[in-house]
């Protein structure tokens, strides 16, 4: 059985998505693109703190966080100027059906508030859940 090819431009945004691929295949690039699309989907109307990204290593988490922040800044600049800074931004601009002013405001808030982004290792995410729901989980405080 051959794996499905994930198209960052048309992949469904609702539900859960698992990206599994070998090193150097563009996972980080794809995740940062999906993240930008999630923020710009008016129907979902998500904020930075409502999107969860989980990866395996601490190094991958740091790189992913930096790359997503940079992607959002690039998309923001493209929406401000109306000119895509790369192919991804050009295609996002061309396919965007909403109001660009709304997108600029949304992206500005996302970039400014990116410290609230939930980008974790699996271990870090589990620790966070247990700390946030210590009473419900029966864990020690």
N, C-alpha and C. Protein backbone atom coordinates (compact mmCIF):
# COMPACT_ATOMS: atom_id res chain seq x y z
N UNK A 1 0.85 -1.18 0.00
CA UNK A 1 0.00 0.00 0.00
C UNK A 1 0.89 1.23 0.00
N UNK A 2 0.68 2.12 -0.94
CA UNK A 2 1.51 3.32 -1.00
C UNK A 2 0.91 4.41 -0.12
N UNK A 3 1.77 5.18 0.52
CA UNK A 3 1.27 6.25 1.39
C UNK A 3 0.66 7.39 0.56
N UNK A 4 -0.26 8.08 1.19
CA UNK A 4 -0.85 9.25 0.54
C UNK A 4 0.17 10.39 0.52
N UNK A 5 0.12 11.18 -0.52
CA UNK A 5 0.98 12.36 -0.62
C UNK A 5 0.17 13.53 -0.06
N UNK A 6 0.73 14.21 0.90
CA UNK A 6 0.05 15.35 1.52
C UNK A 6 0.34 16.62 0.73
N UNK A 7 -0.70 17.25 0.23
CA UNK A 7 -0.57 18.51 -0.50
C UNK A 7 -0.88 19.65 0.47
N UNK A 8 0.14 20.41 0.81
CA UNK A 8 -0.02 21.48 1.81
C UNK A 8 -1.07 22.51 1.39
N UNK A 9 -1.29 22.66 0.09
CA UNK A 9 -2.23 23.67 -0.41
C UNK A 9 -3.68 23.23 -0.37
N UNK A 10 -3.92 21.92 -0.36
CA UNK A 10 -5.31 21.45 -0.43
C UNK A 10 -5.67 20.43 0.65
N UNK A 11 -4.75 20.10 1.52
CA UNK A 11 -5.03 19.13 2.58
C UNK A 11 -6.17 19.63 3.45
N UNK A 12 -7.08 18.74 3.85
CA UNK A 12 -8.17 19.16 4.74
C UNK A 12 -7.59 19.69 6.06
N UNK A 13 -8.20 20.73 6.58
CA UNK A 13 -7.70 21.35 7.81
C UNK A 13 -8.44 20.88 9.05
N UNK A 14 -9.62 20.37 8.88
CA UNK A 14 -10.40 19.90 10.03
C UNK A 14 -9.92 18.51 10.43
N UNK A 15 -10.00 18.22 11.71
CA UNK A 15 -9.63 16.90 12.19
C UNK A 15 -8.16 16.82 12.56
N UNK A 16 -7.66 15.62 12.60
CA UNK A 16 -6.28 15.35 13.01
C UNK A 16 -5.47 14.95 11.78
N UNK A 17 -4.22 15.37 11.75
CA UNK A 17 -3.34 14.99 10.66
C UNK A 17 -2.03 14.49 11.25
N UNK A 18 -1.62 13.33 10.81
CA UNK A 18 -0.34 12.76 11.21
C UNK A 18 0.59 12.83 10.01
N UNK A 19 1.73 13.45 10.20
CA UNK A 19 2.73 13.51 9.13
C UNK A 19 3.90 12.65 9.56
N UNK A 20 4.16 11.63 8.79
CA UNK A 20 5.25 10.72 9.08
C UNK A 20 6.09 10.60 7.82
N UNK A 21 7.37 10.93 7.92
CA UNK A 21 8.24 10.88 6.75
C UNK A 21 9.69 10.83 7.21
N UNK A 22 10.55 10.44 6.31
CA UNK A 22 11.98 10.36 6.61
C UNK A 22 12.58 11.75 6.74
N UNK A 23 13.79 11.79 7.29
CA UNK A 23 14.51 13.06 7.43
C UNK A 23 14.74 13.70 6.07
N UNK A 24 14.63 15.02 6.03
CA UNK A 24 14.92 15.76 4.80
C UNK A 24 13.84 15.72 3.74
N UNK A 25 12.62 15.33 4.13
CA UNK A 25 11.55 15.23 3.14
C UNK A 25 10.60 16.44 3.14
N UNK A 26 10.84 17.39 4.02
CA UNK A 26 10.02 18.60 4.02
C UNK A 26 8.92 18.63 5.06
N UNK A 27 9.03 17.85 6.12
CA UNK A 27 7.99 17.85 7.15
C UNK A 27 7.83 19.22 7.80
N UNK A 28 8.95 19.84 8.15
CA UNK A 28 8.90 21.14 8.82
C UNK A 28 8.29 22.19 7.90
N UNK A 29 8.67 22.17 6.64
CA UNK A 29 8.12 23.11 5.65
C UNK A 29 6.61 22.90 5.54
N UNK A 30 6.19 21.63 5.46
CA UNK A 30 4.77 21.31 5.33
C UNK A 30 4.00 21.73 6.57
N UNK A 31 4.54 21.43 7.76
CA UNK A 31 3.85 21.81 9.00
C UNK A 31 3.70 23.32 9.12
N UNK A 32 4.73 24.07 8.75
CA UNK A 32 4.63 25.53 8.85
C UNK A 32 3.59 26.06 7.87
N UNK A 33 3.48 25.44 6.71
CA UNK A 33 2.45 25.84 5.75
C UNK A 33 1.05 25.51 6.22
N UNK A 34 0.88 24.33 6.78
CA UNK A 34 -0.43 23.96 7.32
C UNK A 34 -0.83 24.87 8.47
N UNK A 35 0.14 25.23 9.28
CA UNK A 35 -0.11 26.13 10.41
C UNK A 35 -0.63 27.48 9.91
N UNK A 36 0.02 28.02 8.88
CA UNK A 36 -0.43 29.30 8.30
C UNK A 36 -1.84 29.17 7.74
N UNK A 37 -2.10 28.07 7.03
CA UNK A 37 -3.44 27.85 6.48
C UNK A 37 -4.49 27.75 7.59
N UNK A 38 -4.16 27.06 8.69
CA UNK A 38 -5.10 26.94 9.80
C UNK A 38 -5.48 28.31 10.35
N UNK A 39 -4.49 29.18 10.51
CA UNK A 39 -4.77 30.51 11.04
C UNK A 39 -5.63 31.35 10.08
N UNK A 40 -5.45 31.14 8.79
CA UNK A 40 -6.17 31.95 7.81
C UNK A 40 -7.53 31.38 7.41
N UNK A 41 -7.90 30.26 7.97
CA UNK A 41 -9.20 29.68 7.67
C UNK A 41 -10.25 30.36 8.55
N UNK A 42 -11.06 31.23 7.93
CA UNK A 42 -12.05 32.01 8.68
C UNK A 42 -13.11 31.12 9.32
N UNK A 43 -13.42 30.01 8.68
CA UNK A 43 -14.43 29.11 9.21
C UNK A 43 -13.97 28.47 10.52
N UNK A 44 -12.70 28.05 10.58
CA UNK A 44 -12.16 27.47 11.81
C UNK A 44 -11.90 28.56 12.85
N UNK A 45 -11.44 29.72 12.40
CA UNK A 45 -11.16 30.89 13.24
C UNK A 45 -10.31 30.54 14.47
N UNK A 46 -9.20 29.87 14.22
CA UNK A 46 -8.30 29.46 15.29
C UNK A 46 -7.31 30.55 15.65
N UNK A 47 -6.87 30.54 16.90
CA UNK A 47 -5.81 31.42 17.37
C UNK A 47 -4.56 30.58 17.59
N UNK A 48 -3.42 31.23 17.75
CA UNK A 48 -2.16 30.53 17.95
C UNK A 48 -2.24 29.53 19.10
N UNK A 49 -2.84 29.88 20.19
CA UNK A 49 -2.91 29.01 21.36
C UNK A 49 -3.84 27.82 21.20
N UNK A 50 -4.56 27.75 20.08
CA UNK A 50 -5.51 26.65 19.87
C UNK A 50 -5.00 25.59 18.89
N UNK A 51 -3.78 25.76 18.41
CA UNK A 51 -3.21 24.82 17.46
C UNK A 51 -2.08 24.07 18.18
N UNK A 52 -2.15 22.76 18.15
CA UNK A 52 -1.15 21.93 18.81
C UNK A 52 -0.25 21.27 17.77
N UNK A 53 1.05 21.41 17.96
CA UNK A 53 2.04 20.75 17.12
C UNK A 53 2.93 19.93 18.05
N UNK A 54 3.03 18.63 17.77
CA UNK A 54 3.83 17.74 18.61
C UNK A 54 4.86 17.04 17.72
N UNK A 55 6.09 16.99 18.22
CA UNK A 55 7.17 16.34 17.50
C UNK A 55 7.98 15.50 18.48
N UNK A 56 9.04 14.87 18.01
CA UNK A 56 9.76 13.91 18.85
C UNK A 56 10.86 14.52 19.71
N UNK A 57 11.72 15.34 19.14
CA UNK A 57 12.90 15.78 19.87
C UNK A 57 12.84 17.26 20.24
N UNK A 58 13.61 17.61 21.25
CA UNK A 58 13.69 19.01 21.67
C UNK A 58 14.27 19.87 20.55
N UNK A 59 15.28 19.36 19.86
CA UNK A 59 15.87 20.11 18.75
C UNK A 59 14.84 20.35 17.65
N UNK A 60 14.03 19.33 17.33
CA UNK A 60 13.00 19.48 16.31
C UNK A 60 11.95 20.49 16.75
N UNK A 61 11.63 20.51 18.03
CA UNK A 61 10.66 21.46 18.55
C UNK A 61 11.15 22.89 18.36
N UNK A 62 12.42 23.14 18.71
CA UNK A 62 12.98 24.47 18.55
C UNK A 62 13.01 24.91 17.11
N UNK A 63 13.43 24.01 16.22
CA UNK A 63 13.48 24.36 14.80
C UNK A 63 12.08 24.59 14.25
N UNK A 64 11.15 23.74 14.63
CA UNK A 64 9.77 23.87 14.16
C UNK A 64 9.16 25.19 14.62
N UNK A 65 9.38 25.54 15.87
CA UNK A 65 8.86 26.79 16.40
C UNK A 65 9.43 27.99 15.61
N UNK A 66 10.74 27.98 15.36
CA UNK A 66 11.38 29.06 14.61
C UNK A 66 10.87 29.13 13.18
N UNK A 67 10.72 27.99 12.55
CA UNK A 67 10.29 27.96 11.15
C UNK A 67 8.82 28.37 10.99
N UNK A 68 7.98 27.98 11.94
CA UNK A 68 6.58 28.39 11.87
C UNK A 68 6.49 29.90 12.06
N UNK A 69 7.22 30.43 13.04
CA UNK A 69 7.21 31.88 13.27
C UNK A 69 7.68 32.63 12.02
N UNK A 70 8.74 32.14 11.39
CA UNK A 70 9.25 32.78 10.17
C UNK A 70 8.24 32.68 9.04
N UNK A 71 7.61 31.52 8.90
CA UNK A 71 6.60 31.35 7.84
C UNK A 71 5.46 32.33 8.05
N UNK A 72 5.00 32.47 9.28
CA UNK A 72 3.91 33.42 9.55
C UNK A 72 4.32 34.85 9.25
N UNK A 73 5.55 35.22 9.59
CA UNK A 73 6.04 36.57 9.29
C UNK A 73 6.12 36.79 7.78
N UNK A 74 6.57 35.78 7.03
CA UNK A 74 6.63 35.88 5.57
C UNK A 74 5.24 36.01 4.96
N UNK A 75 4.30 35.21 5.45
CA UNK A 75 2.92 35.27 4.95
C UNK A 75 2.31 36.63 5.28
N UNK A 76 2.56 37.12 6.50
CA UNK A 76 2.06 38.44 6.89
C UNK A 76 2.58 39.51 5.94
N UNK A 77 3.86 39.51 5.68
CA UNK A 77 4.44 40.51 4.76
C UNK A 77 3.84 40.38 3.37
N UNK A 78 3.61 39.18 2.92
CA UNK A 78 3.00 38.97 1.60
C UNK A 78 1.57 39.51 1.56
N UNK A 79 0.82 39.30 2.62
CA UNK A 79 -0.55 39.82 2.66
C UNK A 79 -0.56 41.34 2.79
N UNK A 80 0.41 41.90 3.48
CA UNK A 80 0.50 43.37 3.58
C UNK A 80 0.78 44.01 2.24
N UNK A 81 1.72 43.41 1.49
CA UNK A 81 2.17 44.00 0.23
C UNK A 81 1.38 43.52 -0.97
N UNK A 82 0.74 42.36 -0.84
CA UNK A 82 0.03 41.79 -1.98
C UNK A 82 0.95 41.04 -2.93
N UNK A 83 2.20 40.85 -2.53
CA UNK A 83 3.19 40.16 -3.36
C UNK A 83 3.78 39.02 -2.54
N UNK A 84 3.70 37.81 -3.07
CA UNK A 84 4.25 36.65 -2.37
C UNK A 84 5.76 36.66 -2.37
N UNK A 85 6.35 36.35 -1.22
CA UNK A 85 7.81 36.34 -1.11
C UNK A 85 8.41 35.03 -1.61
N UNK A 86 7.58 34.00 -1.80
CA UNK A 86 8.02 32.71 -2.34
C UNK A 86 6.79 32.02 -2.93
N UNK A 87 6.98 30.83 -3.48
CA UNK A 87 5.87 30.13 -4.12
C UNK A 87 4.73 29.85 -3.15
N UNK A 88 5.06 29.46 -1.92
CA UNK A 88 4.01 29.18 -0.94
C UNK A 88 3.14 30.42 -0.71
N UNK A 89 3.78 31.56 -0.45
CA UNK A 89 3.04 32.80 -0.19
C UNK A 89 2.23 33.23 -1.41
N UNK A 90 2.81 33.07 -2.60
CA UNK A 90 2.09 33.42 -3.83
C UNK A 90 0.82 32.58 -3.98
N UNK A 91 0.96 31.27 -3.76
CA UNK A 91 -0.20 30.39 -3.90
C UNK A 91 -1.23 30.64 -2.81
N UNK A 92 -0.77 30.95 -1.61
CA UNK A 92 -1.69 31.26 -0.52
C UNK A 92 -2.47 32.54 -0.82
N UNK A 93 -1.77 33.55 -1.30
CA UNK A 93 -2.43 34.80 -1.69
C UNK A 93 -3.44 34.58 -2.80
N UNK A 94 -3.03 33.85 -3.83
CA UNK A 94 -3.89 33.61 -4.99
C UNK A 94 -5.14 32.82 -4.61
N UNK A 95 -5.01 31.89 -3.67
CA UNK A 95 -6.14 31.06 -3.29
C UNK A 95 -6.96 31.60 -2.14
N UNK A 96 -6.55 32.74 -1.57
CA UNK A 96 -7.26 33.28 -0.41
C UNK A 96 -8.54 33.96 -0.85
N UNK A 97 -9.66 33.51 -0.29
CA UNK A 97 -10.95 34.06 -0.70
C UNK A 97 -11.50 35.09 0.28
N UNK A 98 -10.80 35.28 1.37
CA UNK A 98 -11.29 36.21 2.39
C UNK A 98 -10.79 37.63 2.18
N UNK A 99 -10.99 38.44 3.19
CA UNK A 99 -10.58 39.83 3.16
C UNK A 99 -9.13 39.95 3.61
N UNK A 100 -8.30 40.57 2.80
CA UNK A 100 -6.88 40.67 3.12
C UNK A 100 -6.63 41.46 4.39
N UNK A 101 -7.44 42.48 4.65
CA UNK A 101 -7.29 43.27 5.88
C UNK A 101 -7.47 42.39 7.12
N UNK A 102 -8.47 41.51 7.06
CA UNK A 102 -8.71 40.57 8.15
C UNK A 102 -7.50 39.66 8.32
N UNK A 103 -6.96 39.16 7.21
CA UNK A 103 -5.80 38.27 7.26
C UNK A 103 -4.59 38.97 7.87
N UNK A 104 -4.38 40.22 7.52
CA UNK A 104 -3.24 40.98 8.07
C UNK A 104 -3.40 41.13 9.58
N UNK A 105 -4.60 41.47 10.03
CA UNK A 105 -4.84 41.60 11.48
C UNK A 105 -4.61 40.26 12.19
N UNK A 106 -5.15 39.21 11.61
CA UNK A 106 -5.03 37.87 12.21
C UNK A 106 -3.56 37.43 12.28
N UNK A 107 -2.82 37.63 11.20
CA UNK A 107 -1.41 37.24 11.16
C UNK A 107 -0.56 38.12 12.07
N UNK A 108 -0.88 39.39 12.17
CA UNK A 108 -0.15 40.30 13.06
C UNK A 108 -0.29 39.82 14.51
N UNK A 109 -1.53 39.47 14.90
CA UNK A 109 -1.75 38.94 16.26
C UNK A 109 -1.00 37.62 16.45
N UNK A 110 -1.01 36.78 15.43
CA UNK A 110 -0.34 35.47 15.52
C UNK A 110 1.16 35.62 15.72
N UNK A 111 1.78 36.50 14.95
CA UNK A 111 3.22 36.70 15.06
C UNK A 111 3.56 37.32 16.42
N UNK A 112 2.77 38.31 16.82
CA UNK A 112 3.03 38.98 18.10
C UNK A 112 2.82 38.04 19.29
N UNK A 113 1.86 37.14 19.17
CA UNK A 113 1.54 36.25 20.28
C UNK A 113 2.09 34.85 20.12
N UNK A 114 3.09 34.69 19.27
CA UNK A 114 3.57 33.34 18.98
C UNK A 114 4.23 32.66 20.17
N UNK A 115 4.61 33.40 21.18
CA UNK A 115 5.17 32.77 22.38
C UNK A 115 4.14 31.86 23.06
N UNK A 116 2.86 32.07 22.77
CA UNK A 116 1.80 31.23 23.33
C UNK A 116 1.55 29.98 22.50
N UNK A 117 2.28 29.81 21.41
CA UNK A 117 2.07 28.66 20.53
C UNK A 117 2.39 27.35 21.26
N UNK A 118 1.59 26.35 20.98
CA UNK A 118 1.77 25.03 21.59
C UNK A 118 2.56 24.14 20.64
N UNK A 119 3.88 24.20 20.76
CA UNK A 119 4.78 23.36 19.98
C UNK A 119 5.59 22.59 21.01
N UNK A 120 5.36 21.28 21.10
CA UNK A 120 5.94 20.48 22.16
C UNK A 120 6.57 19.20 21.63
N UNK A 121 7.46 18.63 22.44
CA UNK A 121 7.83 17.24 22.25
C UNK A 121 6.67 16.41 22.81
N UNK A 122 6.64 15.14 22.49
CA UNK A 122 5.60 14.28 23.04
C UNK A 122 5.67 14.29 24.56
N UNK A 123 6.89 14.18 25.09
CA UNK A 123 7.10 14.18 26.53
C UNK A 123 6.65 15.51 27.15
N UNK A 124 7.03 16.62 26.53
CA UNK A 124 6.64 17.93 27.03
C UNK A 124 5.14 18.14 27.02
N UNK A 125 4.49 17.66 25.97
CA UNK A 125 3.04 17.78 25.88
C UNK A 125 2.36 16.99 27.00
N UNK A 126 2.83 15.76 27.22
CA UNK A 126 2.26 14.94 28.29
C UNK A 126 2.45 15.60 29.66
N UNK A 127 3.63 16.16 29.90
CA UNK A 127 3.88 16.86 31.16
C UNK A 127 2.93 18.04 31.31
N UNK A 128 2.71 18.77 30.24
CA UNK A 128 1.83 19.93 30.28
C UNK A 128 0.40 19.52 30.59
N UNK A 129 -0.08 18.46 29.95
CA UNK A 129 -1.44 17.98 30.19
C UNK A 129 -1.59 17.55 31.65
N UNK A 130 -0.62 16.80 32.16
CA UNK A 130 -0.70 16.35 33.55
C UNK A 130 -0.64 17.52 34.53
N UNK A 131 0.17 18.54 34.22
CA UNK A 131 0.25 19.71 35.10
C UNK A 131 -1.04 20.52 35.04
N UNK A 132 -1.60 20.68 33.84
CA UNK A 132 -2.82 21.47 33.68
C UNK A 132 -4.05 20.76 34.24
N UNK A 133 -4.01 19.44 34.24
CA UNK A 133 -5.17 18.66 34.70
C UNK A 133 -4.75 17.71 35.82
N UNK A 134 -3.95 18.22 36.74
CA UNK A 134 -3.43 17.37 37.81
C UNK A 134 -4.56 16.75 38.64
N UNK A 135 -5.54 17.53 38.98
CA UNK A 135 -6.65 17.02 39.79
C UNK A 135 -7.41 15.94 39.05
N UNK A 136 -7.77 16.22 37.79
CA UNK A 136 -8.53 15.28 36.99
C UNK A 136 -7.77 13.98 36.72
N UNK A 137 -6.44 14.07 36.60
CA UNK A 137 -5.64 12.90 36.27
C UNK A 137 -5.21 12.12 37.50
N UNK A 138 -5.39 12.69 38.68
CA UNK A 138 -4.97 12.04 39.90
C UNK A 138 -3.49 12.15 40.17
N UNK A 139 -2.80 13.02 39.42
CA UNK A 139 -1.36 13.20 39.59
C UNK A 139 -1.09 14.07 40.81
N UNK A 140 0.11 13.94 41.37
CA UNK A 140 0.50 14.80 42.50
C UNK A 140 0.60 16.24 42.02
N UNK A 141 0.27 17.16 42.91
CA UNK A 141 0.33 18.57 42.55
C UNK A 141 1.74 19.07 42.57
